C-alpha atoms as a PDB file:
ATOM      1  CA  UNK A   1      -1.992 -55.849 140.379  1.00  0.00           C
ATOM      2  CA  UNK A   2      -5.517 -55.524 140.031  1.00  0.00           C
ATOM      3  CA  UNK A   3      -7.507 -57.932 142.166  1.00  0.00           C
ATOM      4  CA  UNK A   4      -9.490 -60.557 140.322  1.00  0.00           C
ATOM      5  CA  UNK A   5     -13.175 -59.652 139.289  1.00  0.00           C
ATOM      6  CA  UNK A   6     -14.305 -62.990 141.452  1.00  0.00           C
ATOM      7  CA  UNK A   7     -12.718 -61.695 144.661  1.00  0.00           C
ATOM      8  CA  UNK A   8     -16.136 -60.739 146.200  1.00  0.00           C
ATOM      9  CA  UNK A   9     -17.367 -64.239 145.746  1.00  0.00           C
ATOM     10  CA  UNK A  10     -17.398 -67.008 148.524  1.00  0.00           C
ATOM     11  CA  UNK A  11     -14.897 -69.255 149.550  1.00  0.00           C
ATOM     12  CA  UNK A  12     -16.204 -72.986 148.413  1.00  0.00           C
ATOM     13  CA  UNK A  13     -16.186 -76.206 150.481  1.00  0.00           C
ATOM     14  CA  UNK A  14     -17.793 -79.608 149.804  1.00  0.00           C
ATOM     15  CA  UNK A  15     -17.745 -82.836 151.945  1.00  0.00           C
ATOM     16  CA  UNK A  16     -19.952 -86.066 152.095  1.00  0.00           C
ATOM     17  CA  UNK A  17     -21.645 -84.458 155.030  1.00  0.00           C
ATOM     18  CA  UNK A  18     -21.646 -81.959 158.058  1.00  0.00           C
ATOM     19  CA  UNK A  19     -17.825 -82.857 158.404  1.00  0.00           C
ATOM     20  CA  UNK A  20     -16.707 -79.902 156.247  1.00  0.00           C
ATOM     21  CA  UNK A  21     -18.053 -77.682 159.109  1.00  0.00           C
ATOM     22  CA  UNK A  22     -14.764 -78.323 161.132  1.00  0.00           C
ATOM     23  CA  UNK A  23     -12.928 -77.011 158.237  1.00  0.00           C
ATOM     24  CA  UNK A  24     -15.110 -73.863 158.003  1.00  0.00           C
ATOM     25  CA  UNK A  25     -14.556 -73.173 161.660  1.00  0.00           C
ATOM     26  CA  UNK A  26     -11.159 -72.866 161.336  1.00  0.00           C
ATOM     27  CA  UNK A  27     -11.175 -70.975 157.812  1.00  0.00           C
ATOM     28  CA  UNK A  28     -13.799 -68.533 159.386  1.00  0.00           C
ATOM     29  CA  UNK A  29     -11.389 -67.675 162.560  1.00  0.00           C
ATOM     30  CA  UNK A  30      -8.609 -66.939 160.260  1.00  0.00           C
ATOM     31  CA  UNK A  31     -10.557 -65.126 157.722  1.00  0.00           C
ATOM     32  CA  UNK A  32     -13.764 -63.347 159.578  1.00  0.00           C
ATOM     33  CA  UNK A  33     -14.381 -61.202 156.467  1.00  0.00           C
ATOM     34  CA  UNK A  34     -14.815 -63.681 153.974  1.00  0.00           C
ATOM     35  CA  UNK A  35     -18.155 -65.405 152.645  1.00  0.00           C
ATOM     36  CA  UNK A  36     -18.225 -69.397 152.789  1.00  0.00           C
ATOM     37  CA  UNK A  37     -20.588 -71.624 151.076  1.00  0.00           C
ATOM     38  CA  UNK A  38     -20.218 -75.479 152.370  1.00  0.00           C
ATOM     39  CA  UNK A  39     -21.962 -78.331 150.219  1.00  0.00           C
ATOM     40  CA  UNK A  40     -22.884 -81.215 152.543  1.00  0.00           C
ATOM     41  CA  UNK A  41     -23.295 -84.030 150.090  1.00  0.00           C
ATOM     42  CA  UNK A  42     -25.452 -85.804 152.843  1.00  0.00           C
ATOM     43  CA  UNK A  43     -27.730 -87.654 150.039  1.00  0.00           C
ATOM     44  CA  UNK A  44     -24.640 -89.700 149.220  1.00  0.00           C
ATOM     45  CA  UNK A  45     -22.881 -90.083 152.636  1.00  0.00           C
ATOM     46  CA  UNK A  46     -20.894 -91.751 153.353  1.00  0.00           C
ATOM     47  CA  UNK A  47     -18.173 -91.430 150.600  1.00  0.00           C
ATOM     48  CA  UNK A  48     -15.808 -94.013 152.234  1.00  0.00           C
ATOM     49  CA  UNK A  49     -17.279 -96.959 150.261  1.00  0.00           C
ATOM     50  CA  UNK A  50     -17.449 -95.810 147.064  1.00  0.00           C
ATOM     51  CA  UNK A  51     -14.819 -96.473 144.215  1.00  0.00           C
ATOM     52  CA  UNK A  52     -12.500 -93.606 143.093  1.00  0.00           C
ATOM     53  CA  UNK A  53     -13.877 -93.139 139.631  1.00  0.00           C
ATOM     54  CA  UNK A  54     -17.226 -92.571 141.254  1.00  0.00           C
ATOM     55  CA  UNK A  55     -16.007 -90.242 143.882  1.00  0.00           C
ATOM     56  CA  UNK A  56     -14.195 -88.297 140.930  1.00  0.00           C
ATOM     57  CA  UNK A  57     -17.625 -87.947 139.369  1.00  0.00           C
ATOM     58  CA  UNK A  58     -19.271 -86.851 142.141  1.00  0.00           C
ATOM     59  CA  UNK A  59     -16.424 -84.282 143.244  1.00  0.00           C
ATOM     60  CA  UNK A  60     -16.670 -82.767 139.633  1.00  0.00           C
ATOM     61  CA  UNK A  61     -20.594 -82.318 140.102  1.00  0.00           C
ATOM     62  CA  UNK A  62     -19.893 -80.433 143.271  1.00  0.00           C
ATOM     63  CA  UNK A  63     -17.334 -78.239 142.226  1.00  0.00           C
ATOM     64  CA  UNK A  64     -19.533 -77.365 139.247  1.00  0.00           C
ATOM     65  CA  UNK A  65     -22.248 -76.380 141.653  1.00  0.00           C
ATOM     66  CA  UNK A  66     -19.946 -74.317 143.697  1.00  0.00           C
ATOM     67  CA  UNK A  67     -18.275 -72.736 140.788  1.00  0.00           C
ATOM     68  CA  UNK A  68     -22.160 -71.693 139.159  1.00  0.00           C
ATOM     69  CA  UNK A  69     -22.774 -70.125 143.013  1.00  0.00           C
ATOM     70  CA  UNK A  70     -19.439 -67.825 142.199  1.00  0.00           C
ATOM     71  CA  UNK A  71     -16.583 -69.960 144.431  1.00  0.00           C
ATOM     72  CA  UNK A  72     -13.316 -68.051 143.774  1.00  0.00           C
ATOM     73  CA  UNK A  73     -11.451 -71.105 145.575  1.00  0.00           C
ATOM     74  CA  UNK A  74     -12.572 -74.562 146.793  1.00  0.00           C
ATOM     75  CA  UNK A  75     -11.699 -76.487 149.539  1.00  0.00           C
ATOM     76  CA  UNK A  76     -12.154 -80.239 149.127  1.00  0.00           C
ATOM     77  CA  UNK A  77     -13.141 -80.562 153.176  1.00  0.00           C
ATOM     78  CA  UNK A  78     -13.009 -84.356 152.930  1.00  0.00           C
ATOM     79  CA  UNK A  79     -10.113 -86.725 153.329  1.00  0.00           C
ATOM     80  CA  UNK A  80     -11.719 -89.302 151.140  1.00  0.00           C
ATOM     81  CA  UNK A  81     -12.698 -86.988 148.533  1.00  0.00           C
ATOM     82  CA  UNK A  82      -9.006 -85.231 148.464  1.00  0.00           C
ATOM     83  CA  UNK A  83      -7.308 -88.808 148.359  1.00  0.00           C
ATOM     84  CA  UNK A  84      -9.521 -89.905 145.308  1.00  0.00           C
ATOM     85  CA  UNK A  85     -10.337 -86.834 143.240  1.00  0.00           C
ATOM     86  CA  UNK A  86      -8.130 -83.969 144.110  1.00  0.00           C
ATOM     87  CA  UNK A  87      -5.920 -84.510 141.146  1.00  0.00           C
ATOM     88  CA  UNK A  88      -8.592 -84.901 138.743  1.00  0.00           C
ATOM     89  CA  UNK A  89     -10.414 -81.718 140.104  1.00  0.00           C
ATOM     90  CA  UNK A  90      -7.231 -79.907 139.233  1.00  0.00           C
ATOM     91  CA  UNK A  91      -6.910 -81.260 135.724  1.00  0.00           C
ATOM     92  CA  UNK A  92     -10.727 -80.400 135.201  1.00  0.00           C
ATOM     93  CA  UNK A  93     -10.588 -76.958 136.410  1.00  0.00           C
ATOM     94  CA  UNK A  94      -7.206 -75.902 135.684  1.00  0.00           C
ATOM     95  CA  UNK A  95      -7.994 -72.044 136.641  1.00  0.00           C
ATOM     96  CA  UNK A  96      -9.520 -72.840 140.054  1.00  0.00           C
ATOM     97  CA  UNK A  97      -7.514 -72.844 143.374  1.00  0.00           C
ATOM     98  CA  UNK A  98      -7.939 -75.905 145.374  1.00  0.00           C
ATOM     99  CA  UNK A  99      -6.919 -76.861 148.833  1.00  0.00           C
ATOM    100  CA  UNK A 100      -7.634 -80.655 149.800  1.00  0.00           C
ATOM    101  CA  UNK A 101      -7.068 -82.665 153.016  1.00  0.00           C
ATOM    102  CA  UNK A 102      -4.019 -84.377 154.237  1.00  0.00           C
ATOM    103  CA  UNK A 103      -3.771 -86.234 157.389  1.00  0.00           C
ATOM    104  CA  UNK A 104      -1.575 -84.061 160.168  1.00  0.00           C
ATOM    105  CA  UNK A 105       0.739 -87.336 160.410  1.00  0.00           C
ATOM    106  CA  UNK A 106       3.756 -84.913 160.050  1.00  0.00           C
ATOM    107  CA  UNK A 107       3.207 -82.646 163.256  1.00  0.00           C
ATOM    108  CA  UNK A 108       2.312 -85.796 165.020  1.00  0.00           C
ATOM    109  CA  UNK A 109       5.249 -87.938 164.058  1.00  0.00           C
ATOM    110  CA  UNK A 110       7.236 -84.715 164.828  1.00  0.00           C
ATOM    111  CA  UNK A 111       6.028 -84.314 168.178  1.00  0.00           C
ATOM    112  CA  UNK A 112       5.560 -87.978 169.554  1.00  0.00           C
ATOM    113  CA  UNK A 113       7.775 -89.006 172.402  1.00  0.00           C
ATOM    114  CA  UNK A 114       6.826 -92.612 171.940  1.00  0.00           C
ATOM    115  CA  UNK A 115       7.758 -93.055 168.348  1.00  0.00           C
ATOM    116  CA  UNK A 116       4.213 -93.978 167.941  1.00  0.00           C
ATOM    117  CA  UNK A 117       1.506 -92.334 166.083  1.00  0.00           C
ATOM    118  CA  UNK A 118      -2.027 -93.696 165.473  1.00  0.00           C
ATOM    119  CA  UNK A 119      -4.438 -92.420 162.464  1.00  0.00           C
ATOM    120  CA  UNK A 120      -8.177 -92.869 162.689  1.00  0.00           C
ATOM    121  CA  UNK A 121      -9.737 -92.603 159.157  1.00  0.00           C
ATOM    122  CA  UNK A 122     -12.556 -93.940 156.794  1.00  0.00           C
ATOM    123  CA  UNK A 123     -11.638 -97.052 155.349  1.00  0.00           C
ATOM    124  CA  UNK A 124     -11.137 -95.584 151.884  1.00  0.00           C
ATOM    125  CA  UNK A 125      -8.566 -93.035 153.327  1.00  0.00           C
ATOM    126  CA  UNK A 126      -6.693 -96.061 155.072  1.00  0.00           C
ATOM    127  CA  UNK A 127      -6.671 -97.809 151.846  1.00  0.00           C
ATOM    128  CA  UNK A 128      -5.707 -95.206 149.652  1.00  0.00           C
ATOM    129  CA  UNK A 129      -2.449 -93.672 148.228  1.00  0.00           C
ATOM    130  CA  UNK A 130      -2.408 -90.386 149.730  1.00  0.00           C
ATOM    131  CA  UNK A 131      -2.183 -91.407 153.516  1.00  0.00           C
ATOM    132  CA  UNK A 132       0.784 -94.154 152.422  1.00  0.00           C
ATOM    133  CA  UNK A 133       2.498 -91.251 150.715  1.00  0.00           C
ATOM    134  CA  UNK A 134       2.267 -88.928 153.662  1.00  0.00           C
ATOM    135  CA  UNK A 135       3.368 -91.872 156.075  1.00  0.00           C
ATOM    136  CA  UNK A 136       6.327 -92.612 153.639  1.00  0.00           C
ATOM    137  CA  UNK A 137       7.431 -88.941 153.586  1.00  0.00           C
ATOM    138  CA  UNK A 138       7.112 -87.629 157.005  1.00  0.00           C
ATOM    139  CA  UNK A 139       6.842 -90.623 159.256  1.00  0.00           C
ATOM    140  CA  UNK A 140      10.129 -92.131 158.770  1.00  0.00           C
ATOM    141  CA  UNK A 141      11.625 -93.817 162.094  1.00  0.00           C
ATOM    142  CA  UNK A 142       8.264 -93.710 163.391  1.00  0.00           C
ATOM    143  CA  UNK A 143       5.519 -96.682 163.732  1.00  0.00           C
ATOM    144  CA  UNK A 144       2.289 -95.353 162.311  1.00  0.00           C
ATOM    145  CA  UNK A 145      -0.738 -97.433 163.394  1.00  0.00           C
ATOM    146  CA  UNK A 146      -3.738 -96.806 161.197  1.00  0.00           C
ATOM    147  CA  UNK A 147      -7.352 -97.672 162.300  1.00  0.00           C
ATOM    148  CA  UNK A 148     -10.244 -97.497 160.023  1.00  0.00           C
ATOM    149  CA  UNK A 149     -13.584 -96.530 161.442  1.00  0.00           C
ATOM    150  CA  UNK A 150     -16.639 -97.726 159.560  1.00  0.00           C
ATOM    151  CA  UNK A 151     -19.782 -96.189 160.920  1.00  0.00           C
ATOM    152  CA  UNK A 152     -18.228 -93.267 162.478  1.00  0.00           C
ATOM    153  CA  UNK A 153     -19.454 -90.871 159.741  1.00  0.00           C
ATOM    154  CA  UNK A 154     -22.880 -92.129 159.878  1.00  0.00           C
ATOM    155  CA  UNK A 155     -22.896 -91.694 163.925  1.00  0.00           C
ATOM    156  CA  UNK A 156     -21.942 -87.996 163.388  1.00  0.00           C
ATOM    157  CA  UNK A 157     -24.418 -87.345 160.624  1.00  0.00           C
ATOM    158  CA  UNK A 158     -27.111 -88.747 162.766  1.00  0.00           C
ATOM    159  CA  UNK A 159     -26.364 -86.363 165.678  1.00  0.00           C
ATOM    160  CA  UNK A 160     -25.372 -89.542 167.679  1.00  0.00           C
ATOM    161  CA  UNK A 161     -22.179 -88.141 169.268  1.00  0.00           C
ATOM    162  CA  UNK A 162     -22.194 -89.447 172.950  1.00  0.00           C
ATOM    163  CA  UNK A 163     -24.503 -92.411 172.589  1.00  0.00           C
ATOM    164  CA  UNK A 164     -23.656 -95.640 174.143  1.00  0.00           C
ATOM    165  CA  UNK A 165     -22.950 -97.125 170.521  1.00  0.00           C
ATOM    166  CA  UNK A 166     -20.660 -94.271 169.373  1.00  0.00           C
ATOM    167  CA  UNK A 167     -18.780 -94.701 172.391  1.00  0.00           C
ATOM    168  CA  UNK A 168     -18.537 -98.428 171.947  1.00  0.00           C
ATOM    169  CA  UNK A 169     -17.204 -98.038 168.435  1.00  0.00           C
ATOM    170  CA  UNK A 170     -14.766 -95.465 169.579  1.00  0.00           C
ATOM    171  CA  UNK A 171     -13.389 -97.800 172.312  1.00  0.00           C
ATOM    172  CA  UNK A 172     -12.921-100.372 169.588  1.00  0.00           C
ATOM    173  CA  UNK A 173     -11.210 -98.190 167.216  1.00  0.00           C
ATOM    174  CA  UNK A 174      -8.751 -96.598 169.762  1.00  0.00           C
ATOM    175  CA  UNK A 175      -7.930 -99.962 171.536  1.00  0.00           C
ATOM    176  CA  UNK A 176      -5.214-100.924 168.948  1.00  0.00           C
ATOM    177  CA  UNK A 177      -3.616 -97.367 168.988  1.00  0.00           C
ATOM    178  CA  UNK A 178      -3.682 -97.592 173.051  1.00  0.00           C
ATOM    179  CA  UNK A 179      -2.221-101.256 172.919  1.00  0.00           C
ATOM    180  CA  UNK A 180       0.801 -99.828 170.678  1.00  0.00           C
ATOM    181  CA  UNK A 181       1.665 -96.959 172.958  1.00  0.00           C
ATOM    182  CA  UNK A 182       0.308 -94.065 170.561  1.00  0.00           C
ATOM    183  CA  UNK A 183       0.770 -90.876 172.255  1.00  0.00           C
ATOM    184  CA  UNK A 184      -0.323 -88.802 169.016  1.00  0.00           C
ATOM    185  CA  UNK A 185      -3.515 -89.444 167.273  1.00  0.00           C
ATOM    186  CA  UNK A 186      -4.439 -88.135 163.925  1.00  0.00           C
ATOM    187  CA  UNK A 187      -7.998 -87.905 163.076  1.00  0.00           C
ATOM    188  CA  UNK A 188      -8.183 -88.828 159.446  1.00  0.00           C
ATOM    189  CA  UNK A 189     -11.728 -87.743 158.454  1.00  0.00           C
ATOM    190  CA  UNK A 190     -13.554 -84.004 159.125  1.00  0.00           C
ATOM    191  CA  UNK A 191     -16.251 -85.732 160.496  1.00  0.00           C
ATOM    192  CA  UNK A 192     -14.236 -86.742 163.801  1.00  0.00           C
ATOM    193  CA  UNK A 193     -13.411 -83.432 165.291  1.00  0.00           C
ATOM    194  CA  UNK A 194     -16.966 -83.533 166.487  1.00  0.00           C
ATOM    195  CA  UNK A 195     -16.286 -86.501 168.522  1.00  0.00           C
ATOM    196  CA  UNK A 196     -13.149 -85.172 170.290  1.00  0.00           C
ATOM    197  CA  UNK A 197     -14.765 -84.918 173.638  1.00  0.00           C
ATOM    198  CA  UNK A 198     -15.783 -88.815 173.442  1.00  0.00           C
ATOM    199  CA  UNK A 199     -12.410 -89.596 172.160  1.00  0.00           C
ATOM    200  CA  UNK A 200     -10.793 -87.492 174.969  1.00  0.00           C
ATOM    201  CA  UNK A 201     -13.034 -89.364 177.594  1.00  0.00           C
ATOM    202  CA  UNK A 202     -11.385 -92.611 176.298  1.00  0.00           C
ATOM    203  CA  UNK A 203      -7.817 -91.785 175.742  1.00  0.00           C
ATOM    204  CA  UNK A 204      -7.390 -89.290 178.639  1.00  0.00           C
ATOM    205  CA  UNK A 205      -5.526 -85.633 178.362  1.00  0.00           C
ATOM    206  CA  UNK A 206      -2.006 -87.164 177.805  1.00  0.00           C
ATOM    207  CA  UNK A 207      -2.421 -88.075 174.203  1.00  0.00           C
ATOM    208  CA  UNK A 208      -1.962 -85.317 171.809  1.00  0.00           C
ATOM    209  CA  UNK A 209      -4.565 -85.001 169.070  1.00  0.00           C
ATOM    210  CA  UNK A 210      -4.139 -83.696 165.383  1.00  0.00           C
ATOM    211  CA  UNK A 211      -6.232 -82.700 162.640  1.00  0.00           C
ATOM    212  CA  UNK A 212      -5.466 -80.450 159.443  1.00  0.00           C
ATOM    213  CA  UNK A 213      -8.089 -77.919 159.526  1.00  0.00           C
ATOM    214  CA  UNK A 214      -5.757 -75.096 160.688  1.00  0.00           C
ATOM    215  CA  UNK A 215      -3.077 -75.947 158.193  1.00  0.00           C
ATOM    216  CA  UNK A 216      -6.148 -75.757 155.482  1.00  0.00           C
ATOM    217  CA  UNK A 217      -6.838 -72.356 156.627  1.00  0.00           C
ATOM    218  CA  UNK A 218      -3.232 -71.260 156.447  1.00  0.00           C
ATOM    219  CA  UNK A 219      -2.732 -72.821 152.839  1.00  0.00           C
ATOM    220  CA  UNK A 220      -6.328 -70.890 151.980  1.00  0.00           C
ATOM    221  CA  UNK A 221      -5.165 -67.549 153.375  1.00  0.00           C
ATOM    222  CA  UNK A 222      -1.681 -67.935 151.380  1.00  0.00           C
ATOM    223  CA  UNK A 223      -3.493 -68.824 148.142  1.00  0.00           C
ATOM    224  CA  UNK A 224      -5.989 -66.029 148.239  1.00  0.00           C
ATOM    225  CA  UNK A 225      -3.400 -63.608 148.756  1.00  0.00           C
ATOM    226  CA  UNK A 226      -1.250 -65.146 145.945  1.00  0.00           C
ATOM    227  CA  UNK A 227      -4.222 -64.997 143.461  1.00  0.00           C
ATOM    228  CA  UNK A 228      -5.580 -61.643 144.683  1.00  0.00           C
ATOM    229  CA  UNK A 229      -8.691 -63.078 145.950  1.00  0.00           C
ATOM    230  CA  UNK A 230      -9.241 -61.482 149.051  1.00  0.00           C
ATOM    231  CA  UNK A 231     -12.466 -59.954 149.918  1.00  0.00           C
ATOM    232  CA  UNK A 232     -12.521 -56.630 148.408  1.00  0.00           C
ATOM    233  CA  UNK A 233     -15.198 -54.999 150.573  1.00  0.00           C
ATOM    234  CA  UNK A 234     -14.353 -52.921 153.476  1.00  0.00           C
ATOM    235  CA  UNK A 235     -14.085 -54.814 156.736  1.00  0.00           C
ATOM    236  CA  UNK A 236     -17.226 -56.636 157.548  1.00  0.00           C
ATOM    237  CA  UNK A 237     -18.299 -59.640 158.934  1.00  0.00           C
ATOM    238  CA  UNK A 238     -18.662 -62.670 156.279  1.00  0.00           C
ATOM    239  CA  UNK A 239     -21.595 -64.603 155.343  1.00  0.00           C
ATOM    240  CA  UNK A 240     -22.260 -68.137 155.495  1.00  0.00           C
ATOM    241  CA  UNK A 241     -24.458 -70.413 153.554  1.00  0.00           C
ATOM    242  CA  UNK A 242     -25.033 -73.917 153.923  1.00  0.00           C
ATOM    243  CA  UNK A 243     -26.243 -76.342 151.489  1.00  0.00           C
ATOM    244  CA  UNK A 244     -27.573 -79.919 151.339  1.00  0.00           C
ATOM    245  CA  UNK A 245     -27.881 -82.559 148.748  1.00  0.00           C
ATOM    246  CA  UNK A 246     -30.509 -84.124 151.313  1.00  0.00           C
ATOM    247  CA  UNK A 247     -32.983 -82.734 153.592  1.00  0.00           C
ATOM    248  CA  UNK A 248     -32.449 -79.123 154.668  1.00  0.00           C
ATOM    249  CA  UNK A 249     -34.298 -79.557 158.168  1.00  0.00           C
ATOM    250  CA  UNK A 250     -31.812 -82.156 159.176  1.00  0.00           C
ATOM    251  CA  UNK A 251     -28.738 -80.190 158.306  1.00  0.00           C
ATOM    252  CA  UNK A 252     -30.189 -77.175 160.093  1.00  0.00           C
ATOM    253  CA  UNK A 253     -30.832 -79.265 163.165  1.00  0.00           C
ATOM    254  CA  UNK A 254     -27.207 -80.596 163.171  1.00  0.00           C
ATOM    255  CA  UNK A 255     -25.916 -76.992 162.743  1.00  0.00           C
ATOM    256  CA  UNK A 256     -28.039 -75.974 165.989  1.00  0.00           C
ATOM    257  CA  UNK A 257     -26.906 -79.522 167.766  1.00  0.00           C
ATOM    258  CA  UNK A 258     -23.221 -78.716 166.904  1.00  0.00           C
ATOM    259  CA  UNK A 259     -23.242 -75.265 167.634  1.00  0.00           C
ATOM    260  CA  UNK A 260     -21.958 -74.248 164.116  1.00  0.00           C
ATOM    261  CA  UNK A 261     -21.500 -70.860 162.726  1.00  0.00           C
ATOM    262  CA  UNK A 262     -25.119 -69.513 162.018  1.00  0.00           C
ATOM    263  CA  UNK A 263     -25.766 -69.202 158.295  1.00  0.00           C
ATOM    264  CA  UNK A 264     -28.761 -69.802 155.734  1.00  0.00           C
ATOM    265  CA  UNK A 265     -29.492 -73.211 154.642  1.00  0.00           C
ATOM    266  CA  UNK A 266     -30.365 -74.383 151.268  1.00  0.00           C
ATOM    267  CA  UNK A 267     -31.167 -77.582 149.314  1.00  0.00           C
ATOM    268  CA  UNK A 268     -28.861 -78.760 146.234  1.00  0.00           C
ATOM    269  CA  UNK A 269     -30.917 -81.169 143.903  1.00  0.00           C
ATOM    270  CA  UNK A 270     -28.562 -84.006 142.596  1.00  0.00           C
ATOM    271  CA  UNK A 271     -29.295 -86.913 140.616  1.00  0.00           C
ATOM    272  CA  UNK A 272     -28.780 -90.112 142.304  1.00  0.00           C
ATOM    273  CA  UNK A 273     -25.600 -91.781 142.148  1.00  0.00           C
ATOM    274  CA  UNK A 274     -24.958 -95.399 142.887  1.00  0.00           C
END
């Protein structure tokens, strides 16, 4: 079968901010010859407090921008947006392959020895149907302790990873999971892997930590093959573009601080929302 004419386009990702880069890292590791464009919607970060209808509208706007920049497959690299908008996106863009974020409850539940799994997530993800459905399907017989973590996304976006304030928040949010005896913790937000060193400092080495980025990379690889969208050029190193709805200089500084893959940084103008 012939390759799609869009196979040379980039894989598009969007998130409320720089958290989507934790997924980008896994995608680039799995697909080093592919190009990527990551939209960090920092002007409207965090997504967590926004109602579902508003998140759907924002997600559709972000997808339109990525499609205008030739994205051939789109990763909703945000747990909150995936829970609120993935079904709407697939309905609005039926010809576009989408991959969303699903909290990694299944592998955590399967591996737990104590039978207690903790989930750290944004308030919207904790309150949403997606996490509830995943727990009901994959965590039978396992106690799942869910902890909303307001403010952590903003700390990452500010580059305040190891500050006393961030460590204090993490200790507060991890305490109920530790008290319950959780031996597996799921990071239910793409921003949270940037805080893994600080989380490890608190929970120690014996608690397993899970996030969904590697599973997303595997699913993207499968969909590229199924839709004949693999990069058609001879083997070469893929290119990365970052764009932000806020200040490009701030995103560029975060990219350097977080040691993210190099790429050009550009601005995306968006209308104010809410």
